[in-house]
Structure formats: structure tokens, C-alpha cells
C-alpha atoms as a PDB file:
ATOM      1  CA  MET A   1      -0.001   0.214  -0.121  1.00  0.00           C
ATOM      2  CA  ASN A   2       1.318   3.487  -0.795  1.00  0.00           C
ATOM      3  CA  TYR A   3       1.232   5.102   2.656  1.00  0.00           C
ATOM      4  CA  ARG A   4       2.996   8.219   2.174  1.00  0.00           C
ATOM      5  CA  PRO A   5       5.444   9.863  -0.611  1.00  0.00           C
ATOM      6  CA  PHE A   6       8.403   7.173  -0.938  1.00  0.00           C
ATOM      7  CA  ASP A   7       6.551   5.138   1.842  1.00  0.00           C
ATOM      8  CA  LYS A   8       4.819   1.808   0.934  1.00  0.00           C
ATOM      9  CA  ARG A   9       3.678  -0.841   3.754  1.00  0.00           C
ATOM     10  CA  PRO A  10       1.966  -3.924   3.639  1.00  0.00           C
ATOM     11  CA  VAL A  11      -1.417  -4.164   4.897  1.00  0.00           C
ATOM     12  CA  TYR A  12      -3.948  -6.964   4.862  1.00  0.00           C
ATOM     13  CA  TYR A  13      -6.519  -5.802   2.197  1.00  0.00           C
ATOM     14  CA  SER A  14      -9.482  -6.786   3.031  1.00  0.00           C
ATOM     15  CA  GLU A  15     -13.420  -5.108   2.877  1.00  0.00           C
ATOM     16  CA  GLU A  16     -14.065  -6.602   5.792  1.00  0.00           C
ATOM     17  CA  MET A  17     -10.810  -5.346   7.299  1.00  0.00           C
ATOM     18  CA  ILE A  18     -10.347  -1.922   6.267  1.00  0.00           C
ATOM     19  CA  ASP A  19     -12.367   1.362   6.839  1.00  0.00           C
ATOM     20  CA  TRP A  20     -13.751   2.831   4.169  1.00  0.00           C
ATOM     21  CA  PRO A  21     -12.200   0.660   1.369  1.00  0.00           C
ATOM     22  CA  ARG A  22     -13.317   2.241  -1.535  1.00  0.00           C
ATOM     23  CA  PRO A  23     -13.308  -1.257  -3.580  1.00  0.00           C
ATOM     24  CA  GLU A  24     -14.877   0.574  -6.716  1.00  0.00           C
ATOM     25  CA  VAL A  25     -11.519   2.292  -6.958  1.00  0.00           C
ATOM     26  CA  MET A  26      -9.241   0.394  -5.075  1.00  0.00           C
ATOM     27  CA  ASN A  27      -9.839  -3.139  -7.139  1.00  0.00           C
ATOM     28  CA  GLN A  28      -8.506  -1.208 -10.290  1.00  0.00           C
ATOM     29  CA  LEU A  29      -4.879  -0.875  -8.223  1.00  0.00           C
ATOM     30  CA  TYR A  30      -5.070  -3.940  -6.420  1.00  0.00           C
ATOM     31  CA  LYS A  31      -2.623  -6.649  -7.792  1.00  0.00           C
ATOM     32  CA  LYS A  32      -3.255  -4.966 -11.459  1.00  0.00           C
ATOM     33  CA  ASN A  33      -0.993  -3.495 -13.806  1.00  0.00           C
ATOM     34  CA  ASN A  34      -2.062   0.344 -13.549  1.00  0.00           C
ATOM     35  CA  LEU A  35      -0.853   3.850 -12.568  1.00  0.00           C
ATOM     36  CA  ALA A  36      -3.263   6.590 -10.366  1.00  0.00           C
ATOM     37  CA  LEU A  37      -2.639  10.135  -9.603  1.00  0.00           C
ATOM     38  CA  LEU A  38      -3.185  11.012  -6.339  1.00  0.00           C
ATOM     39  CA  ALA A  39      -4.678  15.166  -5.687  1.00  0.00           C
ATOM     40  CA  PRO A  40      -7.001  16.718  -3.366  1.00  0.00           C
ATOM     41  CA  ARG A  41     -10.007  18.658  -4.337  1.00  0.00           C
ATOM     42  CA  GLN A  42      -8.852  21.603  -1.971  1.00  0.00           C
ATOM     43  CA  LEU A  43      -6.055  23.121  -0.090  1.00  0.00           C
ATOM     44  CA  ALA A  44      -5.549  23.737   3.590  1.00  0.00           C
ATOM     45  CA  GLY A  45      -2.573  25.851   3.260  1.00  0.00           C
ATOM     46  CA  ASN A  46      -1.688  28.549   0.414  1.00  0.00           C
ATOM     47  CA  ASN A  47       0.857  26.457  -1.747  1.00  0.00           C
ATOM     48  CA  PHE A  48       0.314  23.707  -4.210  1.00  0.00           C
ATOM     49  CA  TYR A  49       2.529  20.688  -3.924  1.00  0.00           C
ATOM     50  CA  HIS A  50       0.101  18.007  -4.128  1.00  0.00           C
ATOM     51  CA  ILE A  51       0.527  15.772  -6.696  1.00  0.00           C
ATOM     52  CA  PHE A  52       2.014  12.014  -6.411  1.00  0.00           C
ATOM     53  CA  ILE A  53       1.795   8.693  -8.293  1.00  0.00           C
ATOM     54  CA  THR A  54       1.183   5.470  -7.111  1.00  0.00           C
ATOM     55  CA  ASP A  55       1.203   1.778  -8.898  1.00  0.00           C
ATOM     56  CA  SER A  56      -0.672   0.524  -5.822  1.00  0.00           C
ATOM     57  CA  ILE A  57      -3.610   1.071  -3.952  1.00  0.00           C
ATOM     58  CA  ALA A  58      -2.971   4.273  -1.406  1.00  0.00           C
ATOM     59  CA  GLU A  59      -3.962   5.445   2.056  1.00  0.00           C
ATOM     60  CA  MET A  60      -6.077   8.790   1.726  1.00  0.00           C
ATOM     61  CA  CYS A  61      -3.573  10.556   3.564  1.00  0.00           C
ATOM     62  CA  VAL A  62      -0.887   9.743   0.957  1.00  0.00           C
ATOM     63  CA  ILE A  63      -0.071  13.577   0.090  1.00  0.00           C
ATOM     64  CA  SER A  64      -1.538  15.230   3.344  1.00  0.00           C
ATOM     65  CA  ASN A  65      -3.219  14.319   6.648  1.00  0.00           C
ATOM     66  CA  LYS A  66      -4.836  17.435   6.669  1.00  0.00           C
ATOM     67  CA  THR A  67      -8.563  16.652   5.955  1.00  0.00           C
ATOM     68  CA  LYS A  68      -9.374  18.882   3.572  1.00  0.00           C
ATOM     69  CA  GLU A  69      -6.014  17.691   1.723  1.00  0.00           C
ATOM     70  CA  GLN A  70      -7.160  13.959   1.415  1.00  0.00           C
ATOM     71  CA  ASN A  71      -6.220  12.842  -1.711  1.00  0.00           C
ATOM     72  CA  VAL A  72      -8.480  11.702  -4.583  1.00  0.00           C
ATOM     73  CA  VAL A  73      -7.405   8.371  -6.485  1.00  0.00           C
ATOM     74  CA  TYR A  74      -7.268   8.779 -10.094  1.00  0.00           C
ATOM     75  CA  PRO A  75      -6.730   5.645 -11.842  1.00  0.00           C
ATOM     76  CA  LEU A  76      -5.187   5.574 -15.516  1.00  0.00           C
ATOM     77  CA  TYR A  77      -7.478   2.073 -16.603  1.00  0.00           C
ATOM     78  CA  LEU A  78     -10.490   0.461 -15.509  1.00  0.00           C
ATOM     79  CA  TYR A  79     -10.227  -3.008 -15.617  1.00  0.00           C
ATOM     80  CA  PRO A  80     -13.741  -5.316 -15.895  1.00  0.00           C
ATOM     81  CA  GLU A  81     -15.605  -6.109 -12.529  1.00  0.00           C
ATOM     82  CA  GLU A  82     -14.560  -9.583 -12.988  1.00  0.00           C
ATOM     83  CA  SER A  83     -10.999 -10.114 -14.355  1.00  0.00           C
ATOM     84  CA  THR A  84     -11.971 -12.960 -16.827  1.00  0.00           C
ATOM     85  CA  GLN A  85     -11.756 -11.177 -20.286  1.00  0.00           C
ATOM     86  CA  GLN A  86      -8.591 -11.233 -21.764  1.00  0.00           C
ATOM     87  CA  THR A  87      -6.794  -9.854 -25.023  1.00  0.00           C
ATOM     88  CA  LEU A  88      -5.195 -11.956 -27.628  1.00  0.00           C
ATOM     89  CA  ASP A  89      -2.039 -11.640 -25.842  1.00  0.00           C
ATOM     90  CA  GLY A  90      -3.594 -13.280 -22.622  1.00  0.00           C
ATOM     91  CA  GLN A  91      -3.566 -10.173 -20.447  1.00  0.00           C
ATOM     92  CA  THR A  92      -6.303  -8.963 -18.657  1.00  0.00           C
ATOM     93  CA  GLU A  93      -8.566  -6.198 -20.974  1.00  0.00           C
ATOM     94  CA  ARG A  94      -8.624  -2.765 -19.489  1.00  0.00           C
ATOM     95  CA  THR A  95     -10.120   0.708 -21.021  1.00  0.00           C
ATOM     96  CA  PRO A  96      -8.722   4.004 -20.439  1.00  0.00           C
ATOM     97  CA  ASN A  97     -10.298   5.970 -17.881  1.00  0.00           C
ATOM     98  CA  LEU A  98     -10.469   9.321 -19.651  1.00  0.00           C
ATOM     99  CA  ASP A  99     -12.861  11.414 -21.080  1.00  0.00           C
ATOM    100  CA  LYS A 100     -13.506  10.058 -24.983  1.00  0.00           C
ATOM    101  CA  LYS A 101     -14.672  13.673 -25.987  1.00  0.00           C
ATOM    102  CA  ILE A 102     -11.652  15.791 -24.694  1.00  0.00           C
ATOM    103  CA  VAL A 103      -9.193  12.986 -25.990  1.00  0.00           C
ATOM    104  CA  GLN A 104     -10.899  13.323 -29.221  1.00  0.00           C
ATOM    105  CA  GLU A 105     -10.064  17.005 -29.008  1.00  0.00           C
ATOM    106  CA  ILE A 106      -6.792  16.585 -27.889  1.00  0.00           C
ATOM    107  CA  ALA A 107      -6.123  14.638 -30.929  1.00  0.00           C
ATOM    108  CA  ARG A 108      -7.500  16.486 -33.111  1.00  0.00           C
ATOM    109  CA  LYS A 109      -5.581  20.088 -31.961  1.00  0.00           C
ATOM    110  CA  LEU A 110      -2.288  18.020 -32.193  1.00  0.00           C
ATOM    111  CA  GLY A 111      -2.979  15.957 -35.197  1.00  0.00           C
ATOM    112  CA  LEU A 112      -2.413  12.502 -33.712  1.00  0.00           C
ATOM    113  CA  LYS A 113      -4.395   9.609 -33.213  1.00  0.00           C
ATOM    114  CA  PHE A 114      -4.894   8.369 -29.950  1.00  0.00           C
ATOM    115  CA  VAL A 115      -4.592   4.454 -28.650  1.00  0.00           C
ATOM    116  CA  PRO A 116      -5.814   2.837 -25.856  1.00  0.00           C
ATOM    117  CA  GLU A 117      -2.441   1.327 -25.423  1.00  0.00           C
ATOM    118  CA  LYS A 118       1.162   2.435 -25.775  1.00  0.00           C
ATOM    119  CA  GLU A 119       2.389   1.545 -29.360  1.00  0.00           C
ATOM    120  CA  LEU A 120       5.685   2.646 -31.353  1.00  0.00           C
ATOM    121  CA  THR A 121       3.722   3.758 -34.269  1.00  0.00           C
ATOM    122  CA  GLU A 122       4.299   7.055 -35.621  1.00  0.00           C
ATOM    123  CA  GLY A 123       1.934  10.093 -34.826  1.00  0.00           C
ATOM    124  CA  THR A 124       0.112   8.068 -31.841  1.00  0.00           C
ATOM    125  CA  PHE A 125      -0.330   8.891 -28.439  1.00  0.00           C
ATOM    126  CA  ALA A 126      -1.526   6.772 -25.679  1.00  0.00           C
ATOM    127  CA  PRO A 127      -3.153   7.074 -22.039  1.00  0.00           C
ATOM    128  CA  ILE A 128       0.019   6.845 -20.283  1.00  0.00           C
ATOM    129  CA  ASP A 129       1.377   9.718 -22.580  1.00  0.00           C
ATOM    130  CA  LEU A 130      -1.796  12.287 -21.246  1.00  0.00           C
ATOM    131  CA  LEU A 131      -0.732  10.989 -17.951  1.00  0.00           C
ATOM    132  CA  ASP A 132       2.880  12.106 -18.325  1.00  0.00           C
ATOM    133  CA  TYR A 133       1.660  15.655 -19.910  1.00  0.00           C
ATOM    134  CA  ILE A 134      -0.449  16.262 -16.664  1.00  0.00           C
ATOM    135  CA  TYR A 135       2.369  14.921 -14.260  1.00  0.00           C
ATOM    136  CA  ALA A 136       4.364  17.730 -15.847  1.00  0.00           C
ATOM    137  CA  VAL A 137       2.145  20.525 -16.013  1.00  0.00           C
ATOM    138  CA  LEU A 138       1.187  19.979 -12.153  1.00  0.00           C
ATOM    139  CA  HIS A 139       4.879  20.164 -11.681  1.00  0.00           C
ATOM    140  CA  SER A 140       5.235  23.440 -13.203  1.00  0.00           C
ATOM    141  CA  PRO A 141       6.503  25.916 -10.613  1.00  0.00           C
ATOM    142  CA  SER A 142       4.865  28.859 -12.868  1.00  0.00           C
ATOM    143  CA  TYR A 143       1.457  26.966 -13.370  1.00  0.00           C
ATOM    144  CA  ARG A 144       1.119  26.523  -9.773  1.00  0.00           C
ATOM    145  CA  GLU A 145       1.711  30.379  -9.044  1.00  0.00           C
ATOM    146  CA  LYS A 146      -0.593  31.622 -11.951  1.00  0.00           C
ATOM    147  CA  TYR A 147      -3.461  29.430 -10.828  1.00  0.00           C
ATOM    148  CA  LYS A 148      -2.686  29.383  -7.138  1.00  0.00           C
ATOM    149  CA  GLU A 149      -6.174  30.778  -5.906  1.00  0.00           C
ATOM    150  CA  PHE A 150      -7.937  28.724  -8.175  1.00  0.00           C
ATOM    151  CA  LEU A 151      -6.126  25.419  -6.925  1.00  0.00           C
ATOM    152  CA  LYS A 152      -6.991  26.281  -3.261  1.00  0.00           C
ATOM    153  CA  ILE A 153     -10.408  25.698  -3.970  1.00  0.00           C
ATOM    154  CA  ASP A 154     -11.123  23.124  -6.412  1.00  0.00           C
ATOM    155  CA  PHE A 155      -9.576  20.284  -8.459  1.00  0.00           C
ATOM    156  CA  PRO A 156      -6.253  21.097 -10.335  1.00  0.00           C
ATOM    157  CA  ARG A 157      -7.309  21.643 -14.099  1.00  0.00           C
ATOM    158  CA  VAL A 158      -4.990  21.159 -17.083  1.00  0.00           C
ATOM    159  CA  PRO A 159      -4.735  23.382 -20.358  1.00  0.00           C
ATOM    160  CA  TYR A 160      -5.272  21.033 -23.482  1.00  0.00           C
ATOM    161  CA  PRO A 161      -2.078  20.493 -25.386  1.00  0.00           C
ATOM    162  CA  LYS A 162      -1.523  23.009 -28.593  1.00  0.00           C
ATOM    163  CA  ASP A 163       1.747  22.379 -30.075  1.00  0.00           C
ATOM    164  CA  PRO A 164       2.934  18.632 -30.426  1.00  0.00           C
ATOM    165  CA  GLU A 165       6.336  19.426 -30.065  1.00  0.00           C
ATOM    166  CA  LEU A 166       5.786  20.822 -26.617  1.00  0.00           C
ATOM    167  CA  PHE A 167       3.844  18.193 -25.829  1.00  0.00           C
ATOM    168  CA  TRP A 168       6.195  15.721 -26.246  1.00  0.00           C
ATOM    169  CA  GLN A 169       8.603  17.544 -24.751  1.00  0.00           C
ATOM    170  CA  LEU A 170       6.372  17.575 -21.320  1.00  0.00           C
ATOM    171  CA  ILE A 171       5.486  13.749 -21.796  1.00  0.00           C
ATOM    172  CA  GLU A 172       9.529  13.409 -21.713  1.00  0.00           C
ATOM    173  CA  LEU A 173       9.931  15.121 -18.559  1.00  0.00           C
ATOM    174  CA  GLY A 174       6.784  14.155 -16.907  1.00  0.00           C
ATOM    175  CA  GLY A 175       7.563  10.491 -17.328  1.00  0.00           C
ATOM    176  CA  LYS A 176      11.102  11.093 -15.651  1.00  0.00           C
ATOM    177  CA  LEU A 177       9.262  12.450 -12.739  1.00  0.00           C
ATOM    178  CA  ARG A 178       6.776   9.522 -12.486  1.00  0.00           C
ATOM    179  CA  GLN A 179       9.353   6.990 -12.791  1.00  0.00           C
ATOM    180  CA  ILE A 180      11.314   8.984 -10.380  1.00  0.00           C
ATOM    181  CA  HIS A 181       8.719   9.168  -7.885  1.00  0.00           C
ATOM    182  CA  LEU A 182       7.678   5.303  -8.720  1.00  0.00           C
ATOM    183  CA  LEU A 183      11.992   4.920  -7.420  1.00  0.00           C
ATOM    184  CA  GLU A 184      11.914   3.104 -10.969  1.00  0.00           C
ATOM    185  CA  HIS A 185      14.271   5.438 -12.969  1.00  0.00           C
ATOM    186  CA  PRO A 186      18.265   4.551 -12.725  1.00  0.00           C
ATOM    187  CA  VAL A 187      19.129   7.755 -11.452  1.00  0.00           C
ATOM    188  CA  VAL A 188      17.941   7.118  -7.770  1.00  0.00           C
ATOM    189  CA  GLU A 189      20.732   4.709  -7.637  1.00  0.00           C
ATOM    190  CA  GLU A 190      23.266   7.196  -8.293  1.00  0.00           C
ATOM    191  CA  PHE A 191      23.512   8.650  -4.760  1.00  0.00           C
ATOM    192  CA  ILE A 192      24.795  11.546  -3.965  1.00  0.00           C
ATOM    193  CA  THR A 193      24.802  10.969   0.255  1.00  0.00           C
ATOM    194  CA  THR A 194      26.839   9.045   2.434  1.00  0.00           C
ATOM    195  CA  TYR A 195      26.345   6.643   5.571  1.00  0.00           C
ATOM    196  CA  PRO A 196      29.584   6.874   6.865  1.00  0.00           C
ATOM    197  CA  ILE A 197      29.535   5.505  10.232  1.00  0.00           C
ATOM    198  CA  ALA A 198      28.741   1.910  11.325  1.00  0.00           C
ATOM    199  CA  GLY A 199      26.330   1.027  14.207  1.00  0.00           C
ATOM    200  CA  SER A 200      23.107  -0.066  15.617  1.00  0.00           C
ATOM    201  CA  ASN A 201      21.034   1.863  12.872  1.00  0.00           C
ATOM    202  CA  VAL A 202      18.379   2.586  15.228  1.00  0.00           C
ATOM    203  CA  ILE A 203      16.493   5.915  14.673  1.00  0.00           C
ATOM    204  CA  SER A 204      16.842   7.352  18.340  1.00  0.00           C
ATOM    205  CA  ASN A 205      13.746   8.997  19.753  1.00  0.00           C
ATOM    206  CA  ARG A 206      15.873  11.095  22.054  1.00  0.00           C
ATOM    207  CA  LEU A 207      18.194  12.951  20.040  1.00  0.00           C
ATOM    208  CA  THR A 208      20.465  15.645  21.257  1.00  0.00           C
ATOM    209  CA  LYS A 209      22.115  16.410  18.250  1.00  0.00           C
ATOM    210  CA  THR A 210      18.613  16.701  16.231  1.00  0.00           C
ATOM    211  CA  ASP A 211      15.134  15.364  16.225  1.00  0.00           C
ATOM    212  CA  PRO A 212      16.150  14.163  13.679  1.00  0.00           C
ATOM    213  CA  GLY A 213      17.240  17.296  11.880  1.00  0.00           C
ATOM    214  CA  PHE A 214      19.367  19.076   9.030  1.00  0.00           C
ATOM    215  CA  ILE A 215      22.775  20.569  10.467  1.00  0.00           C
ATOM    216  CA  PRO A 216      24.665  22.672   7.980  1.00  0.00           C
ATOM    217  CA  GLU A 217      28.241  20.970   6.808  1.00  0.00           C
ATOM    218  CA  ASP A 218      29.315  23.905   5.190  1.00  0.00           C
ATOM    219  CA  ASP A 219      29.574  27.850   5.572  1.00  0.00           C
ATOM    220  CA  ASP A 220      26.610  28.522   2.709  1.00  0.00           C
ATOM    221  CA  GLU A 221      24.447  25.792   4.715  1.00  0.00           C
ATOM    222  CA  THR A 222      23.803  24.063   1.266  1.00  0.00           C
ATOM    223  CA  THR A 223      24.647  20.421   2.273  1.00  0.00           C
ATOM    224  CA  GLY A 224      24.493  18.752   5.939  1.00  0.00           C
ATOM    225  CA  LYS A 225      24.237  16.178   8.240  1.00  0.00           C
ATOM    226  CA  VAL A 226      20.850  14.241   9.155  1.00  0.00           C
ATOM    227  CA  TRP A 227      21.565  12.287  12.174  1.00  0.00           C
ATOM    228  CA  ILE A 228      19.786   9.275  13.429  1.00  0.00           C
ATOM    229  CA  ASN A 229      21.346   8.704  16.492  1.00  0.00           C
ATOM    230  CA  GLU A 230      23.992   9.856  18.744  1.00  0.00           C
ATOM    231  CA  GLU A 231      26.833   8.418  16.319  1.00  0.00           C
ATOM    232  CA  GLN A 232      25.268   7.697  12.678  1.00  0.00           C
ATOM    233  CA  TYR A 233      24.024  10.436  10.097  1.00  0.00           C
ATOM    234  CA  PHE A 234      23.401  10.559   6.545  1.00  0.00           C
ATOM    235  CA  GLY A 235      25.817  13.079   5.176  1.00  0.00           C
ATOM    236  CA  ASN A 236      26.150  15.075   2.047  1.00  0.00           C
ATOM    237  CA  VAL A 237      22.395  15.791   2.011  1.00  0.00           C
ATOM    238  CA  PRO A 238      21.084  19.054   0.352  1.00  0.00           C
ATOM    239  CA  LYS A 239      19.593  21.570   2.173  1.00  0.00           C
ATOM    240  CA  LYS A 240      17.250  21.677  -0.727  1.00  0.00           C
ATOM    241  CA  ALA A 241      16.393  17.805  -0.299  1.00  0.00           C
ATOM    242  CA  TRP A 242      15.576  18.302   3.458  1.00  0.00           C
ATOM    243  CA  GLU A 243      13.231  21.278   3.074  1.00  0.00           C
ATOM    244  CA  PHE A 244      11.240  19.940   0.010  1.00  0.00           C
ATOM    245  CA  TYR A 245       7.472  19.560  -0.238  1.00  0.00           C
ATOM    246  CA  ILE A 246       5.288  16.991  -1.518  1.00  0.00           C
ATOM    247  CA  GLY A 247       2.091  17.451  -0.652  1.00  0.00           C
ATOM    248  CA  GLY A 248       2.004  18.583   3.362  1.00  0.00           C
ATOM    249  CA  TYR A 249       5.113  16.634   4.116  1.00  0.00           C
ATOM    250  CA  GLN A 250       8.731  17.187   3.764  1.00  0.00           C
ATOM    251  CA  PRO A 251       9.536  13.417   2.894  1.00  0.00           C
ATOM    252  CA  ALA A 252      13.181  13.462   3.751  1.00  0.00           C
ATOM    253  CA  GLU A 253      12.063  14.060   7.519  1.00  0.00           C
ATOM    254  CA  LYS A 254       8.773  12.275   7.231  1.00  0.00           C
ATOM    255  CA  TRP A 255      10.232   8.969   6.512  1.00  0.00           C
ATOM    256  CA  LEU A 256      12.660   9.218   8.982  1.00  0.00           C
ATOM    257  CA  LYS A 257      10.518  10.188  11.877  1.00  0.00           C
ATOM    258  CA  ASP A 258       7.788   7.537  10.924  1.00  0.00           C
ATOM    259  CA  ARG A 259      10.540   5.266  11.973  1.00  0.00           C
ATOM    260  CA  ARG A 260      11.988   6.230  15.335  1.00  0.00           C
ATOM    261  CA  ASP A 261      12.906   3.423  17.642  1.00  0.00           C
ATOM    262  CA  ARG A 262      13.493   0.963  14.762  1.00  0.00           C
ATOM    263  CA  GLU A 263      16.441  -0.076  13.429  1.00  0.00           C
ATOM    264  CA  LEU A 264      16.974   0.415   9.744  1.00  0.00           C
ATOM    265  CA  SER A 265      17.926  -2.465   7.425  1.00  0.00           C
ATOM    266  CA  ILE A 266      20.649  -2.034   4.560  1.00  0.00           C
ATOM    267  CA  ASP A 267      17.800  -2.041   1.973  1.00  0.00           C
ATOM    268  CA  GLU A 268      15.941   1.094   4.230  1.00  0.00           C
ATOM    269  CA  ILE A 269      19.178   3.076   4.326  1.00  0.00           C
ATOM    270  CA  ARG A 270      19.397   2.532   0.285  1.00  0.00           C
ATOM    271  CA  HIS A 271      16.019   3.631   0.273  1.00  0.00           C
ATOM    272  CA  TYR A 272      16.243   6.717   2.121  1.00  0.00           C
ATOM    273  CA  GLN A 273      19.341   7.625  -0.262  1.00  0.00           C
ATOM    274  CA  LYS A 274      17.039   7.227  -3.063  1.00  0.00           C
ATOM    275  CA  ILE A 275      14.649   9.443  -1.541  1.00  0.00           C
ATOM    276  CA  ILE A 276      17.171  11.971  -1.681  1.00  0.00           C
ATOM    277  CA  VAL A 277      17.852  11.810  -5.046  1.00  0.00           C
ATOM    278  CA  ALA A 278      14.463  11.745  -6.006  1.00  0.00           C
ATOM    279  CA  LEU A 279      13.949  15.054  -4.328  1.00  0.00           C
ATOM    280  CA  MET A 280      16.894  16.493  -5.844  1.00  0.00           C
ATOM    281  CA  GLU A 281      15.727  15.183  -9.224  1.00  0.00           C
ATOM    282  CA  THR A 282      12.132  16.380  -8.718  1.00  0.00           C
ATOM    283  CA  ASP A 283      13.422  20.051  -8.135  1.00  0.00           C
ATOM    284  CA  ARG A 284      15.629  19.857 -11.802  1.00  0.00           C
ATOM    285  CA  LEU A 285      12.866  18.586 -13.473  1.00  0.00           C
ATOM    286  CA  MET A 286      10.466  21.133 -12.249  1.00  0.00           C
ATOM    287  CA  GLN A 287      12.958  24.038 -13.650  1.00  0.00           C
ATOM    288  CA  LYS A 288      13.267  22.051 -16.738  1.00  0.00           C
ATOM    289  CA  ILE A 289       9.767  22.163 -17.308  1.00  0.00           C
ATOM    290  CA  ASP A 290       9.083  25.563 -16.421  1.00  0.00           C
ATOM    291  CA  GLU A 291      11.546  26.580 -19.453  1.00  0.00           C
ATOM    292  CA  ILE A 292       8.514  25.209 -21.558  1.00  0.00           C
ATOM    293  CA  LYS A 293       5.590  27.217 -21.620  1.00  0.00           C
ATOM    294  CA  VAL A 294       2.688  24.864 -20.290  1.00  0.00           C
ATOM    295  CA  ASN A 295      -0.105  27.424 -19.929  1.00  0.00           C
END
């Protein structure tokens, strides 16, 4: 289950065991080859950071635990109620969860043909392309600033793409963001942080240096150490990554605080280092997206 940004948890998924299981939506993701956008209808604060992606069932507070900002789940595809209908290649048939009139209008404006599944045929676009386009637009700093007041009170609205070249540029950037947020892109393996001290790997609940927190390593305070106990820390953590928001959380801090008094495994230590890369790459790609006029 997607519990918080970059934080998946095991769950016993049963309509009898889970409060508000929302089977009509979650069954589109449970053990399915699918993706879903996560976004709220309203904001409690002034800034829109509230967009994320999931490839599994999602808790309602993935992007914020504030009641007004709880995320709505938008599956990319819809599967038949009984997963018996199959295509010629043996895969379960699914249909795009998209408004046909809107898709047809986009196809007409761009001079492209819409196909329900991604293919390499030139002149076509698929649901995953629209998802990546939307994901890029919603990560544009200028879009967020321009529609700041509207984003406080209603679902985010995305401008129709008008230029095929810009459409494909945004798809490329949005696709990279999607893969990075799912921690699937190879770049997340290129660690920029260190974890130099051997020890218990337990995140202390009684830290004296920090709680855990960011302590600058240099005079300009651009990088720092994030201590998890009296002896151990993650080093060379960019301040920008530590302060970066996704929804109502700062994932670099949130992920650690949710594991107080726990011993981190080697995989979890690596996972945290992937998160730092993902946050820095998100910031970089957001700036690249802003170089393209999206609205």
C-alpha cells in the first residue's frame, strides 16, 4: 500500500478489515498493472505541492493528513469487474479512464491518433502519454503560481496541449518524474549522500544533536548531516532536499520520523538515499518543465 510519499507499507487488504475500503477504486489498483494520480480537491494552505503517483492501492493521506487535503485517486485504466476478459496476448482487457470527447479534442488539436495502449507507431499517443503530460504540467512552478488561488478551492485543471512538439517534451519530463517518484528510474541509484559510520542503525527517539534534523556541514549551509542517533548520520544531504515538500510533508524528514526507535535495514538505508536523489531530481525537472510554456 502507498502510505506516504516514497513510503509503502504492507497491509491486509480486505473490505471487512479496512475502514472505507473504496473497492470501486482500489480494485483497479490491487494486484493490477495500473497507475493512478493522487491529488486533492482543495488545499488547507496557500501552496500547491499536492500531486503524486501510485502503482498500488493508496491510503487517503498519502499526500497530506489534513482533512481538506486528503487525496483523490485517479486510476489511469479501468478493469472489468470480473477479470476474465482477456486480449489476444493473454492479458486482462482494460479501458482508459479518460473522457472520450476530451481525448478526441486533444487528438484533433495535435493532429495525432489516440490508441488505448502504448505503441511505437508514429503519430499516435496513449493514456500513459496523457498521464505524463498532466504530471509535468502539475509540477510546473509557473503553473502553480499562476493558478494559485484556484488550486486552493477546486481540483487542478490542466490546459489542453496545443503544440505537438511541446506536448512530447512535457511527456518526456513528466515520464521521468513519474519513474523517479516510483523509484524506478536508474538515476535514483546514483546516490549523492553518504552513510559513513557503522553502528546500531536505530533511529533514536531521544536525539540530542537533532530530532532528527538537518545540521549544515559547510558555511553556505547548502548541504548537511541528518543524524539518526548519537553516532550515525546521512552526510552530504542537500538542504534543498531536506526542505522539499510533496503535499503536506517534507519526505526527507517524514520518512525518518515515522521510523523512530526502529533499526534500519541495509535496504532501508539505501531507500532513504534514493529518496534524497528523487527529491533533488524532482526539483531539477521542475525547473526544466518551467522552461516550456505550458499555459
